[in-house]
Amino acid sequence: MPRLALHTLLLALPFAAILAEPALAQNLDPLENMLQVVVDGLTGPIGRLIAILAVVAAGYMMFTGRLNWPLFLAIFFGVVLVFSAATIIDGFAAP
């Protein structure tokens, strides 16, 4: 009888391994937290101060007559895209 039980167990183990549900206990919290820190850095107070400095530099260049209009447009649209990126993506991702 013990031999039959051993054979049954050895036969059942591969099927149990195949039919087992994955634990799905994994999460990506560390990666998500790191990316959230980057987004907060770019769209938070640090990003705001960098954008203010870029606009001030463009204004100074305009004041001195050395403004390169493609550079000014790149600064303007860059600031607009950085600070509206979350709203734009939320609009695409909404059901």
PDB file of N, CA and C in Angstrom:
ATOM      1  N   MET A   1       0.803  -1.200   0.000  1.00  0.00           N
ATOM      2  CA  MET A   1       0.000   0.000   0.000  1.00  0.00           C
ATOM      3  C   MET A   1       0.848   1.268   0.000  1.00  0.00           C
ATOM      4  N   PRO A   2       1.949   1.329   0.773  1.00  0.00           N
ATOM      5  CA  PRO A   2       2.754   2.535   0.742  1.00  0.00           C
ATOM      6  C   PRO A   2       3.355   2.790  -0.638  1.00  0.00           C
ATOM      7  N   ARG A   3       3.655   1.700  -1.351  1.00  0.00           N
ATOM      8  CA  ARG A   3       4.220   1.873  -2.681  1.00  0.00           C
ATOM      9  C   ARG A   3       3.196   2.481  -3.634  1.00  0.00           C
ATOM     10  N   LEU A   4       1.945   2.073  -3.542  1.00  0.00           N
ATOM     11  CA  LEU A   4       0.872   2.637  -4.366  1.00  0.00           C
ATOM     12  C   LEU A   4       0.661   4.110  -4.029  1.00  0.00           C
ATOM     13  N   ALA A   5       0.738   4.441  -2.775  1.00  0.00           N
ATOM     14  CA  ALA A   5       0.585   5.838  -2.356  1.00  0.00           C
ATOM     15  C   ALA A   5       1.726   6.691  -2.903  1.00  0.00           C
ATOM     16  N   LEU A   6       2.934   6.151  -2.906  1.00  0.00           N
ATOM     17  CA  LEU A   6       4.080   6.879  -3.427  1.00  0.00           C
ATOM     18  C   LEU A   6       3.938   7.112  -4.925  1.00  0.00           C
ATOM     19  N   HIS A   7       3.498   6.096  -5.662  1.00  0.00           N
ATOM     20  CA  HIS A   7       3.292   6.246  -7.103  1.00  0.00           C
ATOM     21  C   HIS A   7       2.188   7.264  -7.391  1.00  0.00           C
ATOM     22  N   THR A   8       1.141   7.227  -6.620  1.00  0.00           N
ATOM     23  CA  THR A   8       0.049   8.187  -6.804  1.00  0.00           C
ATOM     24  C   THR A   8       0.535   9.606  -6.537  1.00  0.00           C
ATOM     25  N   LEU A   9       1.324   9.754  -5.500  1.00  0.00           N
ATOM     26  CA  LEU A   9       1.864  11.072  -5.164  1.00  0.00           C
ATOM     27  C   LEU A   9       2.786  11.572  -6.264  1.00  0.00           C
ATOM     28  N   LEU A  10       3.667  10.713  -6.751  1.00  0.00           N
ATOM     29  CA  LEU A  10       4.588  11.115  -7.809  1.00  0.00           C
ATOM     30  C   LEU A  10       3.861  11.429  -9.110  1.00  0.00           C
ATOM     31  N   LEU A  11       2.754  10.761  -9.351  1.00  0.00           N
ATOM     32  CA  LEU A  11       1.960  11.036 -10.542  1.00  0.00           C
ATOM     33  C   LEU A  11       1.164  12.328 -10.387  1.00  0.00           C
ATOM     34  N   ALA A  12       0.729  12.621  -9.183  1.00  0.00           N
ATOM     35  CA  ALA A  12      -0.107  13.797  -8.943  1.00  0.00           C
ATOM     36  C   ALA A  12       0.701  15.094  -8.851  1.00  0.00           C
ATOM     37  N   LEU A  13       1.960  15.020  -8.467  1.00  0.00           N
ATOM     38  CA  LEU A  13       2.765  16.231  -8.283  1.00  0.00           C
ATOM     39  C   LEU A  13       2.901  17.083  -9.546  1.00  0.00           C
ATOM     40  N   PRO A  14       3.207  16.514 -10.717  1.00  0.00           N
ATOM     41  CA  PRO A  14       3.299  17.367 -11.909  1.00  0.00           C
ATOM     42  C   PRO A  14       1.969  18.038 -12.250  1.00  0.00           C
ATOM     43  N   PHE A  15       0.874  17.313 -12.076  1.00  0.00           N
ATOM     44  CA  PHE A  15      -0.428  17.912 -12.359  1.00  0.00           C
ATOM     45  C   PHE A  15      -0.745  19.031 -11.369  1.00  0.00           C
ATOM     46  N   ALA A  16      -0.367  18.837 -10.120  1.00  0.00           N
ATOM     47  CA  ALA A  16      -0.590  19.879  -9.115  1.00  0.00           C
ATOM     48  C   ALA A  16       0.234  21.120  -9.435  1.00  0.00           C
ATOM     49  N   ALA A  17       1.439  20.918  -9.927  1.00  0.00           N
ATOM     50  CA  ALA A  17       2.286  22.060 -10.270  1.00  0.00           C
ATOM     51  C   ALA A  17       1.743  22.805 -11.481  1.00  0.00           C
ATOM     52  N   ILE A  18       1.194  22.068 -12.441  1.00  0.00           N
ATOM     53  CA  ILE A  18       0.653  22.695 -13.645  1.00  0.00           C
ATOM     54  C   ILE A  18      -0.643  23.434 -13.348  1.00  0.00           C
ATOM     55  N   LEU A  19      -1.483  22.855 -12.527  1.00  0.00           N
ATOM     56  CA  LEU A  19      -2.793  23.430 -12.261  1.00  0.00           C
ATOM     57  C   LEU A  19      -2.797  24.480 -11.157  1.00  0.00           C
ATOM     58  N   ALA A  20      -1.683  24.688 -10.485  1.00  0.00           N
ATOM     59  CA  ALA A  20      -1.644  25.652  -9.376  1.00  0.00           C
ATOM     60  C   ALA A  20      -1.773  27.075  -9.915  1.00  0.00           C
ATOM     61  N   GLU A  21      -2.521  27.887  -9.211  1.00  0.00           N
ATOM     62  CA  GLU A  21      -2.672  29.296  -9.559  1.00  0.00           C
ATOM     63  C   GLU A  21      -1.435  30.056  -9.086  1.00  0.00           C
ATOM     64  N   PRO A  22      -0.984  31.033  -9.854  1.00  0.00           N
ATOM     65  CA  PRO A  22       0.151  31.831  -9.372  1.00  0.00           C
ATOM     66  C   PRO A  22      -0.264  32.671  -8.168  1.00  0.00           C
ATOM     67  N   ALA A  23       0.684  33.001  -7.330  1.00  0.00           N
ATOM     68  CA  ALA A  23       0.380  33.722  -6.094  1.00  0.00           C
ATOM     69  C   ALA A  23      -0.055  35.157  -6.370  1.00  0.00           C
ATOM     70  N   LEU A  24       0.490  35.770  -7.391  1.00  0.00           N
ATOM     71  CA  LEU A  24       0.185  37.155  -7.736  1.00  0.00           C
ATOM     72  C   LEU A  24       0.401  38.094  -6.556  1.00  0.00           C
ATOM     73  N   ALA A  25       1.329  37.754  -5.718  1.00  0.00           N
ATOM     74  CA  ALA A  25       1.605  38.583  -4.553  1.00  0.00           C
ATOM     75  C   ALA A  25       2.677  39.628  -4.859  1.00  0.00           C
ATOM     76  N   GLN A  26       3.194  39.619  -6.052  1.00  0.00           N
ATOM     77  CA  GLN A  26       4.236  40.561  -6.413  1.00  0.00           C
ATOM     78  C   GLN A  26       3.607  41.907  -6.731  1.00  0.00           C
ATOM     79  N   ASN A  27       4.332  42.963  -6.449  1.00  0.00           N
ATOM     80  CA  ASN A  27       3.889  44.285  -6.857  1.00  0.00           C
ATOM     81  C   ASN A  27       5.105  45.094  -7.287  1.00  0.00           C
ATOM     82  N   LEU A  28       4.846  46.205  -7.902  1.00  0.00           N
ATOM     83  CA  LEU A  28       5.917  47.049  -8.417  1.00  0.00           C
ATOM     84  C   LEU A  28       6.001  48.355  -7.643  1.00  0.00           C
ATOM     85  N   ASP A  29       5.725  48.315  -6.353  1.00  0.00           N
ATOM     86  CA  ASP A  29       5.735  49.529  -5.547  1.00  0.00           C
ATOM     87  C   ASP A  29       7.074  50.264  -5.567  1.00  0.00           C
ATOM     88  N   PRO A  30       8.216  49.598  -5.475  1.00  0.00           N
ATOM     89  CA  PRO A  30       9.473  50.360  -5.507  1.00  0.00           C
ATOM     90  C   PRO A  30       9.674  51.115  -6.826  1.00  0.00           C
ATOM     91  N   LEU A  31       9.362  50.479  -7.937  1.00  0.00           N
ATOM     92  CA  LEU A  31       9.489  51.140  -9.232  1.00  0.00           C
ATOM     93  C   LEU A  31       8.492  52.281  -9.356  1.00  0.00           C
ATOM     94  N   GLU A  32       7.260  52.038  -8.927  1.00  0.00           N
ATOM     95  CA  GLU A  32       6.236  53.078  -8.982  1.00  0.00           C
ATOM     96  C   GLU A  32       6.623  54.272  -8.112  1.00  0.00           C
ATOM     97  N   ASN A  33       7.157  54.013  -6.944  1.00  0.00           N
ATOM     98  CA  ASN A  33       7.576  55.103  -6.060  1.00  0.00           C
ATOM     99  C   ASN A  33       8.714  55.911  -6.673  1.00  0.00           C
ATOM    100  N   MET A  34       9.677  55.232  -7.305  1.00  0.00           N
ATOM    101  CA  MET A  34      10.788  55.935  -7.928  1.00  0.00           C
ATOM    102  C   MET A  34      10.301  56.831  -9.066  1.00  0.00           C
ATOM    103  N   LEU A  35       9.412  56.297  -9.907  1.00  0.00           N
ATOM    104  CA  LEU A  35       8.883  57.092 -11.009  1.00  0.00           C
ATOM    105  C   LEU A  35       8.041  58.259 -10.499  1.00  0.00           C
ATOM    106  N   GLN A  36       7.308  58.048  -9.405  1.00  0.00           N
ATOM    107  CA  GLN A  36       6.510  59.132  -8.831  1.00  0.00           C
ATOM    108  C   GLN A  36       7.403  60.245  -8.295  1.00  0.00           C
ATOM    109  N   VAL A  37       8.560  59.886  -7.745  1.00  0.00           N
ATOM    110  CA  VAL A  37       9.512  60.896  -7.274  1.00  0.00           C
ATOM    111  C   VAL A  37      10.025  61.725  -8.449  1.00  0.00           C
ATOM    112  N   VAL A  38      10.303  61.076  -9.580  1.00  0.00           N
ATOM    113  CA  VAL A  38      10.768  61.794 -10.769  1.00  0.00           C
ATOM    114  C   VAL A  38       9.683  62.742 -11.270  1.00  0.00           C
ATOM    115  N   VAL A  39       8.438  62.259 -11.356  1.00  0.00           N
ATOM    116  CA  VAL A  39       7.332  63.101 -11.824  1.00  0.00           C
ATOM    117  C   VAL A  39       7.117  64.268 -10.869  1.00  0.00           C
ATOM    118  N   ASP A  40       7.149  64.001  -9.572  1.00  0.00           N
ATOM    119  CA  ASP A  40       6.977  65.075  -8.594  1.00  0.00           C
ATOM    120  C   ASP A  40       8.107  66.097  -8.691  1.00  0.00           C
ATOM    121  N   GLY A  41       9.299  65.634  -8.983  1.00  0.00           N
ATOM    122  CA  GLY A  41      10.420  66.553  -9.137  1.00  0.00           C
ATOM    123  C   GLY A  41      10.276  67.448 -10.350  1.00  0.00           C
ATOM    124  N   LEU A  42       9.756  66.901 -11.446  1.00  0.00           N
ATOM    125  CA  LEU A  42       9.611  67.692 -12.670  1.00  0.00           C
ATOM    126  C   LEU A  42       8.389  68.598 -12.651  1.00  0.00           C
ATOM    127  N   THR A  43       7.327  68.174 -11.991  1.00  0.00           N
ATOM    128  CA  THR A  43       6.096  68.970 -12.004  1.00  0.00           C
ATOM    129  C   THR A  43       5.846  69.688 -10.686  1.00  0.00           C
ATOM    130  N   GLY A  44       6.686  69.472  -9.708  1.00  0.00           N
ATOM    131  CA  GLY A  44       6.507  70.103  -8.409  1.00  0.00           C
ATOM    132  C   GLY A  44       7.248  71.425  -8.331  1.00  0.00           C
ATOM    133  N   PRO A  45       7.601  71.819  -7.127  1.00  0.00           N
ATOM    134  CA  PRO A  45       8.266  73.112  -6.933  1.00  0.00           C
ATOM    135  C   PRO A  45       9.602  73.234  -7.665  1.00  0.00           C
ATOM    136  N   ILE A  46      10.362  72.161  -7.739  1.00  0.00           N
ATOM    137  CA  ILE A  46      11.652  72.225  -8.439  1.00  0.00           C
ATOM    138  C   ILE A  46      11.436  72.474  -9.928  1.00  0.00           C
ATOM    139  N   GLY A  47      10.522  71.733 -10.530  1.00  0.00           N
ATOM    140  CA  GLY A  47      10.214  71.940 -11.943  1.00  0.00           C
ATOM    141  C   GLY A  47       9.649  73.321 -12.209  1.00  0.00           C
ATOM    142  N   ARG A  48       8.837  73.812 -11.291  1.00  0.00           N
ATOM    143  CA  ARG A  48       8.253  75.154 -11.427  1.00  0.00           C
ATOM    144  C   ARG A  48       9.359  76.205 -11.409  1.00  0.00           C
ATOM    145  N   LEU A  49      10.320  76.064 -10.501  1.00  0.00           N
ATOM    146  CA  LEU A  49      11.418  77.027 -10.429  1.00  0.00           C
ATOM    147  C   LEU A  49      12.296  76.975 -11.676  1.00  0.00           C
ATOM    148  N   ILE A  50      12.531  75.781 -12.195  1.00  0.00           N
ATOM    149  CA  ILE A  50      13.310  75.661 -13.434  1.00  0.00           C
ATOM    150  C   ILE A  50      12.573  76.330 -14.590  1.00  0.00           C
ATOM    151  N   ALA A  51      11.251  76.144 -14.663  1.00  0.00           N
ATOM    152  CA  ALA A  51      10.455  76.772 -15.720  1.00  0.00           C
ATOM    153  C   ALA A  51      10.482  78.291 -15.580  1.00  0.00           C
ATOM    154  N   ILE A  52      10.396  78.793 -14.354  1.00  0.00           N
ATOM    155  CA  ILE A  52      10.455  80.241 -14.140  1.00  0.00           C
ATOM    156  C   ILE A  52      11.795  80.792 -14.602  1.00  0.00           C
ATOM    157  N   LEU A  53      12.878  80.097 -14.264  1.00  0.00           N
ATOM    158  CA  LEU A  53      14.202  80.545 -14.707  1.00  0.00           C
ATOM    159  C   LEU A  53      14.329  80.524 -16.227  1.00  0.00           C
ATOM    160  N   ALA A  54      13.742  79.521 -16.875  1.00  0.00           N
ATOM    161  CA  ALA A  54      13.797  79.450 -18.342  1.00  0.00           C
ATOM    162  C   ALA A  54      13.023  80.605 -18.965  1.00  0.00           C
ATOM    163  N   VAL A  55      11.856  80.936 -18.410  1.00  0.00           N
ATOM    164  CA  VAL A  55      11.061  82.051 -18.944  1.00  0.00           C
ATOM    165  C   VAL A  55      11.765  83.378 -18.668  1.00  0.00           C
ATOM    166  N   VAL A  56      12.368  83.515 -17.495  1.00  0.00           N
ATOM    167  CA  VAL A  56      13.129  84.733 -17.190  1.00  0.00           C
ATOM    168  C   VAL A  56      14.295  84.883 -18.159  1.00  0.00           C
ATOM    169  N   ALA A  57      15.002  83.794 -18.442  1.00  0.00           N
ATOM    170  CA  ALA A  57      16.115  83.850 -19.396  1.00  0.00           C
ATOM    171  C   ALA A  57      15.617  84.231 -20.782  1.00  0.00           C
ATOM    172  N   ALA A  58      14.480  83.682 -21.196  1.00  0.00           N
ATOM    173  CA  ALA A  58      13.913  84.042 -22.502  1.00  0.00           C
ATOM    174  C   ALA A  58      13.496  85.508 -22.508  1.00  0.00           C
ATOM    175  N   GLY A  59      12.926  85.984 -21.408  1.00  0.00           N
ATOM    176  CA  GLY A  59      12.552  87.403 -21.317  1.00  0.00           C
ATOM    177  C   GLY A  59      13.766  88.307 -21.379  1.00  0.00           C
ATOM    178  N   TYR A  60      14.838  87.919 -20.711  1.00  0.00           N
ATOM    179  CA  TYR A  60      16.068  88.706 -20.766  1.00  0.00           C
ATOM    180  C   TYR A  60      16.626  88.730 -22.184  1.00  0.00           C
ATOM    181  N   MET A  61      16.592  87.579 -22.851  1.00  0.00           N
ATOM    182  CA  MET A  61      17.064  87.535 -24.237  1.00  0.00           C
ATOM    183  C   MET A  61      16.196  88.405 -25.128  1.00  0.00           C
ATOM    184  N   MET A  62      14.885  88.436 -24.871  1.00  0.00           N
ATOM    185  CA  MET A  62      13.990  89.289 -25.645  1.00  0.00           C
ATOM    186  C   MET A  62      14.315  90.758 -25.374  1.00  0.00           C
ATOM    187  N   PHE A  63      14.577  91.085 -24.123  1.00  0.00           N
ATOM    188  CA  PHE A  63      14.896  92.453 -23.718  1.00  0.00           C
ATOM    189  C   PHE A  63      16.173  92.946 -24.383  1.00  0.00           C
ATOM    190  N   THR A  64      17.169  92.081 -24.511  1.00  0.00           N
ATOM    191  CA  THR A  64      18.443  92.478 -25.111  1.00  0.00           C
ATOM    192  C   THR A  64      18.462  92.326 -26.624  1.00  0.00           C
ATOM    193  N   GLY A  65      17.383  91.819 -27.201  1.00  0.00           N
ATOM    194  CA  GLY A  65      17.305  91.699 -28.650  1.00  0.00           C
ATOM    195  C   GLY A  65      18.008  90.476 -29.203  1.00  0.00           C
ATOM    196  N   ARG A  66      18.325  89.522 -28.380  1.00  0.00           N
ATOM    197  CA  ARG A  66      19.011  88.315 -28.834  1.00  0.00           C
ATOM    198  C   ARG A  66      18.121  87.082 -28.782  1.00  0.00           C
ATOM    199  N   LEU A  67      16.824  87.286 -28.808  1.00  0.00           N
ATOM    200  CA  LEU A  67      15.908  86.150 -28.675  1.00  0.00           C
ATOM    201  C   LEU A  67      15.856  85.360 -29.972  1.00  0.00           C
ATOM    202  N   ASN A  68      16.080  84.097 -29.857  1.00  0.00           N
ATOM    203  CA  ASN A  68      15.956  83.169 -30.963  1.00  0.00           C
ATOM    204  C   ASN A  68      14.536  82.598 -30.877  1.00  0.00           C
ATOM    205  N   TRP A  69      13.677  82.935 -31.829  1.00  0.00           N
ATOM    206  CA  TRP A  69      12.265  82.557 -31.722  1.00  0.00           C
ATOM    207  C   TRP A  69      12.039  81.053 -31.661  1.00  0.00           C
ATOM    208  N   PRO A  70      12.759  80.233 -32.402  1.00  0.00           N
ATOM    209  CA  PRO A  70      12.575  78.780 -32.203  1.00  0.00           C
ATOM    210  C   PRO A  70      12.919  78.336 -30.777  1.00  0.00           C
ATOM    211  N   LEU A  71      13.941  78.942 -30.172  1.00  0.00           N
ATOM    212  CA  LEU A  71      14.279  78.621 -28.787  1.00  0.00           C
ATOM    213  C   LEU A  71      13.156  79.054 -27.848  1.00  0.00           C
ATOM    214  N   PHE A  72      12.601  80.249 -28.089  1.00  0.00           N
ATOM    215  CA  PHE A  72      11.499  80.729 -27.257  1.00  0.00           C
ATOM    216  C   PHE A  72      10.290  79.806 -27.365  1.00  0.00           C
ATOM    217  N   LEU A  73       9.960  79.377 -28.580  1.00  0.00           N
ATOM    218  CA  LEU A  73       8.826  78.461 -28.764  1.00  0.00           C
ATOM    219  C   LEU A  73       9.100  77.109 -28.110  1.00  0.00           C
ATOM    220  N   ALA A  74      10.351  76.653 -28.182  1.00  0.00           N
ATOM    221  CA  ALA A  74      10.702  75.387 -27.527  1.00  0.00           C
ATOM    222  C   ALA A  74      10.549  75.508 -26.016  1.00  0.00           C
ATOM    223  N   ILE A  75      10.978  76.623 -25.441  1.00  0.00           N
ATOM    224  CA  ILE A  75      10.810  76.840 -23.996  1.00  0.00           C
ATOM    225  C   ILE A  75       9.335  76.891 -23.647  1.00  0.00           C
ATOM    226  N   PHE A  76       8.562  77.647 -24.414  1.00  0.00           N
ATOM    227  CA  PHE A  76       7.136  77.808 -24.126  1.00  0.00           C
ATOM    228  C   PHE A  76       6.400  76.473 -24.191  1.00  0.00           C
ATOM    229  N   PHE A  77       6.556  75.763 -25.295  1.00  0.00           N
ATOM    230  CA  PHE A  77       5.845  74.490 -25.436  1.00  0.00           C
ATOM    231  C   PHE A  77       6.395  73.420 -24.489  1.00  0.00           C
ATOM    232  N   GLY A  78       7.677  73.484 -24.175  1.00  0.00           N
ATOM    233  CA  GLY A  78       8.233  72.553 -23.196  1.00  0.00           C
ATOM    234  C   GLY A  78       7.616  72.742 -21.825  1.00  0.00           C
ATOM    235  N   VAL A  79       7.478  73.995 -21.399  1.00  0.00           N
ATOM    236  CA  VAL A  79       6.849  74.281 -20.103  1.00  0.00           C
ATOM    237  C   VAL A  79       5.393  73.845 -20.113  1.00  0.00           C
ATOM    238  N   VAL A  80       4.688  74.149 -21.195  1.00  0.00           N
ATOM    239  CA  VAL A  80       3.272  73.759 -21.292  1.00  0.00           C
ATOM    240  C   VAL A  80       3.129  72.240 -21.230  1.00  0.00           C
ATOM    241  N   LEU A  81       3.953  71.514 -21.965  1.00  0.00           N
ATOM    242  CA  LEU A  81       3.842  70.054 -21.976  1.00  0.00           C
ATOM    243  C   LEU A  81       4.227  69.424 -20.642  1.00  0.00           C
ATOM    244  N   VAL A  82       5.259  69.947 -19.996  1.00  0.00           N
ATOM    245  CA  VAL A  82       5.679  69.361 -18.716  1.00  0.00           C
ATOM    246  C   VAL A  82       4.581  69.506 -17.674  1.00  0.00           C
ATOM    247  N   PHE A  83       3.980  70.695 -17.600  1.00  0.00           N
ATOM    248  CA  PHE A  83       3.002  70.918 -16.541  1.00  0.00           C
ATOM    249  C   PHE A  83       1.598  70.445 -16.897  1.00  0.00           C
ATOM    250  N   SER A  84       1.335  70.147 -18.154  1.00  0.00           N
ATOM    251  CA  SER A  84       0.014  69.613 -18.508  1.00  0.00           C
ATOM    252  C   SER A  84       0.077  68.134 -18.882  1.00  0.00           C
ATOM    253  N   ALA A  85       1.222  67.507 -18.754  1.00  0.00           N
ATOM    254  CA  ALA A  85       1.379  66.103 -19.153  1.00  0.00           C
ATOM    255  C   ALA A  85       0.451  65.184 -18.376  1.00  0.00           C
ATOM    256  N   ALA A  86       0.329  65.389 -17.073  1.00  0.00           N
ATOM    257  CA  ALA A  86      -0.536  64.523 -16.264  1.00  0.00           C
ATOM    258  C   ALA A  86      -1.989  64.647 -16.704  1.00  0.00           C
ATOM    259  N   THR A  87      -2.432  65.873 -17.003  1.00  0.00           N
ATOM    260  CA  THR A  87      -3.810  66.075 -17.453  1.00  0.00           C
ATOM    261  C   THR A  87      -4.038  65.435 -18.813  1.00  0.00           C
ATOM    262  N   ILE A  88      -3.076  65.569 -19.707  1.00  0.00           N
ATOM    263  CA  ILE A  88      -3.207  64.981 -21.044  1.00  0.00           C
ATOM    264  C   ILE A  88      -3.287  63.461 -20.949  1.00  0.00           C
ATOM    265  N   ILE A  89      -2.399  62.844 -20.199  1.00  0.00           N
ATOM    266  CA  ILE A  89      -2.387  61.384 -20.076  1.00  0.00           C
ATOM    267  C   ILE A  89      -3.620  60.888 -19.348  1.00  0.00           C
ATOM    268  N   ASP A  90      -4.069  61.609 -18.317  1.00  0.00           N
ATOM    269  CA  ASP A  90      -5.301  61.212 -17.628  1.00  0.00           C
ATOM    270  C   ASP A  90      -6.494  61.256 -18.573  1.00  0.00           C
ATOM    271  N   GLY A  91      -6.494  62.178 -19.526  1.00  0.00           N
ATOM    272  CA  GLY A  91      -7.567  62.229 -20.518  1.00  0.00           C
ATOM    273  C   GLY A  91      -7.558  61.021 -21.437  1.00  0.00           C
ATOM    274  N   PHE A  92      -6.366  60.535 -21.790  1.00  0.00           N
ATOM    275  CA  PHE A  92      -6.273  59.342 -22.628  1.00  0.00           C
ATOM    276  C   PHE A  92      -6.609  58.079 -21.852  1.00  0.00           C
ATOM    277  N   ALA A  93      -6.207  58.034 -20.586  1.00  0.00           N
ATOM    278  CA  ALA A  93      -6.356  56.817 -19.795  1.00  0.00           C
ATOM    279  C   ALA A  93      -7.735  56.674 -19.171  1.00  0.00           C
ATOM    280  N   ALA A  94      -8.547  57.722 -19.219  1.00  0.00           N
ATOM    281  CA  ALA A  94      -9.880  57.647 -18.602  1.00  0.00           C
ATOM    282  C   ALA A  94     -10.760  56.687 -19.397  1.00  0.00           C
ATOM    283  N   PRO A  95     -11.569  55.900 -18.703  1.00  0.00           N
ATOM    284  CA  PRO A  95     -12.425  54.938 -19.422  1.00  0.00           C
ATOM    285  C   PRO A  95     -13.554  55.604 -20.160  1.00  0.00           C
TER     286      PRO A  95
END
